[in-house]
Amino acid sequence: MESWSVDQVCNWLRQSNLGELVPKFREEEVSGAALLALNDRMVQQLVKKIGHQAVLMDLINKYKQQKHGIQSFAYVCEADLPTLPEISG
């Protein structure tokens, strides 16, 4: 998502049933990096309907949690790897 273009963000909005937001996101040139940097205040200025604000923030937060969870899981897996004894022949 971080490397998405404005077009990719707009496609994601359509797939997420937020197609009404596409013209404004295109006008404001919201890329994937910009999307992930949005805070509550920015979303309120960008998106007029409260329901759409809530859905958008929920989707962004879920993405961030999922990404963080995957990174944390990878770190835990690497940290928990057992050290195997060397086998001498």
Foldseek 3Di string as FASTA:
>chain_A
DLQFFLVVVCVVCVVLVNNVLSVLSVVVRQGNNNLLVDDLVNLVVSDPDPVSSVSSVVVSVVVVVVVVVVVVVVVVVVVPDDDDDDDDD
